[in-house]
Amino acid sequence: MTTPAALTVTPSNQTKIYGNPFAFSGTEFSTVGLVNGDKVNTVSLTSAGAVATAGVAGSPYAISGSNALGTGLSNYTISYGQGAFTVTPAALTL
């Protein structure tokens, strides 16, 4: 019996200005543990910081990943790290 290799997928940290929404493309991540040319193409990424109404006061928000898709991934036990989503203040001109 073959034991699956360990694979860690970690969302990349992101930053946005308050009031702007952020749309994940699914490619904002890094991996540790891939071998033999296997590849992660996309990951489902979510964060409460991505919505336009996410406040600076709650920052940084966690970024979570799930549902990695790619080649050879059935050979791995996949774990997901967390990224940080920072919301910066918007400029206000009076």
Protein backbone atom coordinates (compact mmCIF):
# COMPACT_ATOMS: atom_id res chain seq x y z
CA MET A 1 0.00 0.00 0.00
CA THR A 2 1.33 3.42 -0.95
CA THR A 3 1.00 6.32 1.46
CA PRO A 4 -0.05 9.66 -0.08
CA ALA A 5 2.53 12.44 0.01
CA ALA A 6 1.85 15.56 2.08
CA LEU A 7 0.92 18.71 0.18
CA THR A 8 0.34 22.11 1.76
CA VAL A 9 -1.48 24.84 -0.16
CA THR A 10 -1.24 28.32 1.37
CA PRO A 11 -3.18 31.36 0.13
CA SER A 12 -0.99 34.36 -0.73
CA ASN A 13 -1.44 37.48 1.39
CA GLN A 14 -3.56 40.18 -0.25
CA THR A 15 -4.17 43.91 0.26
CA LYS A 16 -6.94 46.19 -0.94
CA ILE A 17 -8.26 49.69 -0.31
CA TYR A 18 -11.47 50.01 1.73
CA GLY A 19 -14.57 50.30 -0.45
CA ASN A 20 -13.22 48.19 -3.31
CA PRO A 21 -14.26 44.58 -3.81
CA PHE A 22 -11.56 41.97 -4.50
CA ALA A 23 -12.18 38.97 -6.76
CA PHE A 24 -9.93 35.95 -6.27
CA SER A 25 -8.85 34.30 -9.52
CA GLY A 26 -7.94 31.04 -7.75
CA THR A 27 -4.23 31.35 -8.51
CA GLU A 28 -3.18 33.36 -5.45
CA PHE A 29 -1.45 30.56 -3.52
CA SER A 30 1.82 28.72 -3.00
CA THR A 31 2.45 25.00 -2.55
CA VAL A 32 4.92 22.86 -0.67
CA GLY A 33 5.31 19.15 -1.36
CA LEU A 34 4.54 18.64 -5.05
CA VAL A 35 6.71 16.04 -6.81
CA ASN A 36 6.98 14.33 -10.20
CA GLY A 37 5.68 17.29 -12.18
CA ASP A 38 2.29 17.27 -10.40
CA LYS A 39 0.60 20.63 -10.33
CA VAL A 40 -2.11 22.62 -8.56
CA ASN A 41 -3.87 24.80 -11.15
CA THR A 42 -6.55 26.49 -9.06
CA VAL A 43 -7.80 26.68 -5.49
CA SER A 44 -11.11 28.02 -4.18
CA LEU A 45 -10.17 31.05 -2.05
CA THR A 46 -12.42 33.02 0.28
CA SER A 47 -12.04 35.87 2.75
CA ALA A 48 -14.40 38.20 4.58
CA GLY A 49 -11.88 40.93 3.64
CA ALA A 50 -12.65 40.60 -0.07
CA VAL A 51 -16.06 42.32 0.06
CA ALA A 52 -16.25 46.07 -0.54
CA THR A 53 -17.70 46.67 2.94
CA ALA A 54 -14.88 44.90 4.81
CA GLY A 55 -13.60 47.44 7.32
CA VAL A 56 -10.08 48.48 8.15
CA ALA A 57 -10.81 47.80 11.84
CA GLY A 58 -11.28 44.06 11.24
CA SER A 59 -8.09 43.77 9.21
CA PRO A 60 -6.24 41.52 8.64
CA TYR A 61 -8.89 38.96 7.69
CA ALA A 62 -8.09 35.28 7.18
CA ILE A 63 -7.91 33.88 3.65
CA SER A 64 -8.96 30.24 3.44
CA GLY A 65 -8.40 27.77 0.63
CA SER A 66 -10.17 24.57 -0.41
CA ASN A 67 -10.91 22.36 -3.42
CA ALA A 68 -7.48 22.32 -5.07
CA LEU A 69 -7.66 21.23 -8.71
CA GLY A 70 -4.74 20.08 -10.82
CA THR A 71 -2.82 17.02 -11.98
CA GLY A 72 -1.81 14.08 -9.80
CA LEU A 73 -3.52 15.44 -6.69
CA SER A 74 -5.07 12.09 -5.76
CA ASN A 75 -1.52 11.12 -4.69
CA TYR A 76 -1.50 13.67 -1.86
CA THR A 77 -3.00 14.37 1.50
CA ILE A 78 -3.77 18.08 1.05
CA SER A 79 -3.77 20.56 3.92
CA TYR A 80 -4.55 24.25 3.62
CA GLY A 81 -2.73 27.07 5.37
CA GLN A 82 -4.12 30.55 5.87
CA GLY A 83 -3.25 33.84 4.25
CA ALA A 84 -3.92 37.36 5.51
CA PHE A 85 -6.13 39.92 3.78
CA THR A 86 -5.29 43.51 4.78
CA VAL A 87 -7.75 46.34 4.17
CA THR A 88 -6.14 49.78 4.01
CA PRO A 89 -7.92 53.12 4.51
CA ALA A 90 -9.43 54.87 1.50
CA ALA A 91 -8.26 58.40 0.70
CA LEU A 92 -10.72 61.13 1.63
CA THR A 93 -10.42 64.62 0.19
CA LEU A 94 -12.43 67.40 1.79
